[in-house]
Amino acid sequence: MPEEKAVLRIEGMTCDGCAQGVQHALKRVAGVSGVKMDWRTGLGEVMFDTEVTSEQDILEDPIFLGHYKASLVARPGCC
């Protein structure tokens, strides 16, 4: 199981409830094994299995398409 980490910038989170909602939604994505969000910085880390999902799949999750805007800050292995 090749696991990687993506760091995302998430626009629109204004409280801890927002961050928890994003975490909960992303944990339902197949292949995602861990999520950590910080609404204060607007950053989140997502650990995922590259054989099951991709950064693009994560960025296209309905939580981002409908409620928040997400972009990739760091690619796995770059920083």
N, C-alpha and C. Protein backbone atom coordinates (compact mmCIF):
# COMPACT_ATOMS: atom_id res chain seq x y z
N MET A 1 0.85 -1.18 0.00
CA MET A 1 0.00 0.00 0.00
C MET A 1 0.89 1.24 0.00
N PRO A 2 1.14 1.84 -1.17
CA PRO A 2 1.95 3.06 -1.22
C PRO A 2 1.16 4.26 -0.73
N GLU A 3 1.54 4.77 0.42
CA GLU A 3 0.81 5.88 1.01
C GLU A 3 1.58 7.17 0.80
N GLU A 4 0.84 8.23 0.47
CA GLU A 4 1.43 9.54 0.28
C GLU A 4 0.63 10.57 1.05
N LYS A 5 1.22 11.74 1.19
CA LYS A 5 0.55 12.84 1.88
C LYS A 5 0.43 14.01 0.92
N ALA A 6 -0.75 14.62 0.91
CA ALA A 6 -0.97 15.84 0.16
C ALA A 6 -1.33 16.94 1.15
N VAL A 7 -0.76 18.11 0.96
CA VAL A 7 -1.10 19.27 1.78
C VAL A 7 -1.98 20.17 0.94
N LEU A 8 -3.16 20.48 1.48
CA LEU A 8 -4.14 21.27 0.76
C LEU A 8 -4.38 22.61 1.43
N ARG A 9 -4.65 23.62 0.63
CA ARG A 9 -5.14 24.91 1.13
C ARG A 9 -6.65 24.89 0.88
N ILE A 10 -7.41 25.14 1.95
CA ILE A 10 -8.86 25.08 1.86
C ILE A 10 -9.42 26.44 2.21
N GLU A 11 -10.10 27.04 1.26
CA GLU A 11 -10.71 28.34 1.46
C GLU A 11 -12.15 28.17 1.88
N GLY A 12 -12.57 28.95 2.87
CA GLY A 12 -13.96 28.94 3.30
C GLY A 12 -14.20 28.36 4.68
N MET A 13 -13.19 27.74 5.29
CA MET A 13 -13.37 27.22 6.65
C MET A 13 -13.29 28.40 7.63
N THR A 14 -14.32 28.54 8.46
CA THR A 14 -14.35 29.66 9.40
C THR A 14 -14.40 29.24 10.86
N CYS A 15 -14.44 27.93 11.11
CA CYS A 15 -14.51 27.46 12.49
C CYS A 15 -14.07 26.00 12.56
N ASP A 16 -13.96 25.50 13.78
CA ASP A 16 -13.57 24.11 13.98
C ASP A 16 -14.62 23.15 13.40
N GLY A 17 -15.88 23.56 13.45
CA GLY A 17 -16.93 22.73 12.87
C GLY A 17 -16.74 22.53 11.37
N CYS A 18 -16.29 23.59 10.69
CA CYS A 18 -16.00 23.48 9.26
C CYS A 18 -14.89 22.45 9.04
N ALA A 19 -13.81 22.58 9.81
CA ALA A 19 -12.67 21.67 9.66
C ALA A 19 -13.09 20.23 9.93
N GLN A 20 -13.92 20.02 10.95
CA GLN A 20 -14.38 18.67 11.25
C GLN A 20 -15.27 18.12 10.14
N GLY A 21 -16.08 18.98 9.54
CA GLY A 21 -16.93 18.55 8.43
C GLY A 21 -16.10 18.11 7.23
N VAL A 22 -15.04 18.87 6.92
CA VAL A 22 -14.15 18.52 5.82
C VAL A 22 -13.45 17.21 6.14
N GLN A 23 -12.93 17.08 7.36
CA GLN A 23 -12.27 15.84 7.77
C GLN A 23 -13.20 14.65 7.60
N HIS A 24 -14.41 14.78 8.09
CA HIS A 24 -15.38 13.68 8.02
C HIS A 24 -15.66 13.30 6.58
N ALA A 25 -15.86 14.29 5.72
CA ALA A 25 -16.15 14.01 4.31
C ALA A 25 -14.98 13.31 3.63
N LEU A 26 -13.77 13.78 3.88
CA LEU A 26 -12.60 13.20 3.21
C LEU A 26 -12.27 11.81 3.72
N LYS A 27 -12.58 11.52 4.97
CA LYS A 27 -12.34 10.19 5.50
C LYS A 27 -13.22 9.14 4.82
N ARG A 28 -14.30 9.59 4.17
CA ARG A 28 -15.19 8.67 3.45
C ARG A 28 -14.67 8.35 2.05
N VAL A 29 -13.69 9.10 1.57
CA VAL A 29 -13.14 8.85 0.23
C VAL A 29 -12.34 7.56 0.28
N ALA A 30 -12.62 6.65 -0.64
CA ALA A 30 -11.90 5.38 -0.70
C ALA A 30 -10.41 5.65 -0.85
N GLY A 31 -9.61 5.00 -0.01
CA GLY A 31 -8.16 5.13 -0.08
C GLY A 31 -7.58 6.16 0.86
N VAL A 32 -8.41 7.02 1.44
CA VAL A 32 -7.92 8.02 2.39
C VAL A 32 -7.79 7.36 3.76
N SER A 33 -6.61 7.45 4.34
CA SER A 33 -6.37 6.79 5.63
C SER A 33 -6.26 7.77 6.79
N GLY A 34 -6.07 9.04 6.50
CA GLY A 34 -5.96 10.02 7.57
C GLY A 34 -6.15 11.43 7.04
N VAL A 35 -6.76 12.27 7.87
CA VAL A 35 -7.01 13.66 7.50
C VAL A 35 -6.81 14.53 8.73
N LYS A 36 -6.14 15.64 8.54
CA LYS A 36 -5.96 16.60 9.63
C LYS A 36 -6.17 17.99 9.05
N MET A 37 -7.13 18.74 9.59
CA MET A 37 -7.44 20.08 9.09
C MET A 37 -7.20 21.11 10.19
N ASP A 38 -6.80 22.30 9.78
CA ASP A 38 -6.65 23.43 10.70
C ASP A 38 -7.34 24.63 10.08
N TRP A 39 -8.50 24.96 10.60
CA TRP A 39 -9.28 26.05 10.01
C TRP A 39 -8.58 27.40 10.18
N ARG A 40 -7.75 27.54 11.20
CA ARG A 40 -7.06 28.82 11.43
C ARG A 40 -6.06 29.13 10.32
N THR A 41 -5.33 28.11 9.90
CA THR A 41 -4.34 28.32 8.83
C THR A 41 -4.93 28.07 7.44
N GLY A 42 -6.06 27.36 7.41
CA GLY A 42 -6.66 27.00 6.14
C GLY A 42 -5.95 25.86 5.44
N LEU A 43 -5.14 25.11 6.20
CA LEU A 43 -4.37 24.02 5.62
C LEU A 43 -4.87 22.67 6.13
N GLY A 44 -4.69 21.67 5.31
CA GLY A 44 -5.06 20.32 5.70
C GLY A 44 -4.10 19.31 5.11
N GLU A 45 -3.90 18.23 5.82
CA GLU A 45 -3.06 17.13 5.35
C GLU A 45 -3.95 15.92 5.13
N VAL A 46 -3.75 15.27 4.00
CA VAL A 46 -4.52 14.07 3.67
C VAL A 46 -3.54 12.96 3.33
N MET A 47 -3.63 11.86 4.05
CA MET A 47 -2.84 10.66 3.77
C MET A 47 -3.72 9.74 2.95
N PHE A 48 -3.15 9.20 1.85
CA PHE A 48 -3.97 8.37 0.97
C PHE A 48 -3.13 7.31 0.28
N ASP A 49 -3.82 6.25 -0.11
CA ASP A 49 -3.22 5.12 -0.83
C ASP A 49 -3.29 5.45 -2.32
N THR A 50 -2.14 5.57 -2.96
CA THR A 50 -2.08 5.96 -4.36
C THR A 50 -2.60 4.88 -5.31
N GLU A 51 -2.76 3.66 -4.82
CA GLU A 51 -3.32 2.61 -5.66
C GLU A 51 -4.85 2.67 -5.68
N VAL A 52 -5.43 3.46 -4.78
CA VAL A 52 -6.88 3.52 -4.66
C VAL A 52 -7.43 4.88 -5.10
N THR A 53 -6.72 5.95 -4.78
CA THR A 53 -7.20 7.29 -5.10
C THR A 53 -6.03 8.19 -5.48
N SER A 54 -6.34 9.39 -5.88
CA SER A 54 -5.30 10.33 -6.30
C SER A 54 -5.59 11.71 -5.70
N GLU A 55 -4.61 12.59 -5.81
CA GLU A 55 -4.81 13.97 -5.36
C GLU A 55 -6.00 14.59 -6.08
N GLN A 56 -6.10 14.34 -7.38
CA GLN A 56 -7.19 14.91 -8.17
C GLN A 56 -8.54 14.41 -7.69
N ASP A 57 -8.65 13.12 -7.36
CA ASP A 57 -9.90 12.58 -6.82
C ASP A 57 -10.27 13.28 -5.52
N ILE A 58 -9.29 13.52 -4.69
CA ILE A 58 -9.53 14.18 -3.41
C ILE A 58 -10.01 15.61 -3.64
N LEU A 59 -9.34 16.33 -4.54
CA LEU A 59 -9.72 17.72 -4.83
C LEU A 59 -11.10 17.82 -5.48
N GLU A 60 -11.56 16.74 -6.09
CA GLU A 60 -12.87 16.75 -6.74
C GLU A 60 -13.97 16.18 -5.85
N ASP A 61 -13.66 15.97 -4.57
CA ASP A 61 -14.68 15.49 -3.65
C ASP A 61 -15.82 16.51 -3.56
N PRO A 62 -17.05 16.04 -3.44
CA PRO A 62 -18.19 16.96 -3.38
C PRO A 62 -18.09 18.04 -2.30
N ILE A 63 -17.40 17.77 -1.19
CA ILE A 63 -17.27 18.79 -0.14
C ILE A 63 -16.58 20.03 -0.69
N PHE A 64 -15.63 19.84 -1.60
CA PHE A 64 -14.93 20.98 -2.18
C PHE A 64 -15.71 21.59 -3.33
N LEU A 65 -16.37 20.77 -4.09
CA LEU A 65 -17.13 21.28 -5.23
C LEU A 65 -18.34 22.07 -4.77
N GLY A 66 -18.88 21.73 -3.60
CA GLY A 66 -20.10 22.38 -3.15
C GLY A 66 -19.95 23.43 -2.07
N HIS A 67 -18.92 23.31 -1.22
CA HIS A 67 -18.85 24.18 -0.06
C HIS A 67 -17.55 24.97 0.08
N TYR A 68 -16.46 24.37 -0.29
CA TYR A 68 -15.14 24.97 -0.07
C TYR A 68 -14.33 24.90 -1.36
N LYS A 69 -13.30 25.69 -1.41
CA LYS A 69 -12.38 25.63 -2.54
C LYS A 69 -11.06 25.08 -2.02
N ALA A 70 -10.54 24.06 -2.69
CA ALA A 70 -9.29 23.43 -2.26
C ALA A 70 -8.28 23.44 -3.39
N SER A 71 -7.02 23.61 -3.01
CA SER A 71 -5.93 23.54 -3.98
C SER A 71 -4.76 22.83 -3.33
N LEU A 72 -3.93 22.25 -4.16
CA LEU A 72 -2.77 21.51 -3.69
C LEU A 72 -1.66 22.50 -3.34
N VAL A 73 -1.12 22.38 -2.12
CA VAL A 73 -0.02 23.23 -1.68
C VAL A 73 1.31 22.52 -1.87
N ALA A 74 1.35 21.26 -1.47
CA ALA A 74 2.59 20.50 -1.56
C ALA A 74 2.31 19.11 -2.10
N ARG A 75 3.14 18.70 -3.01
CA ARG A 75 3.03 17.35 -3.56
C ARG A 75 3.84 16.40 -2.69
N PRO A 76 3.40 15.15 -2.63
CA PRO A 76 4.13 14.17 -1.82
C PRO A 76 5.61 14.13 -2.23
N GLY A 77 6.44 14.13 -1.22
CA GLY A 77 7.87 14.00 -1.44
C GLY A 77 8.59 15.27 -1.84
N CYS A 78 7.86 16.38 -2.00
CA CYS A 78 8.54 17.59 -2.45
C CYS A 78 9.09 18.43 -1.33
N CYS A 79 8.46 18.33 -0.09
CA CYS A 79 8.83 19.27 0.97
C CYS A 79 9.12 18.55 2.28
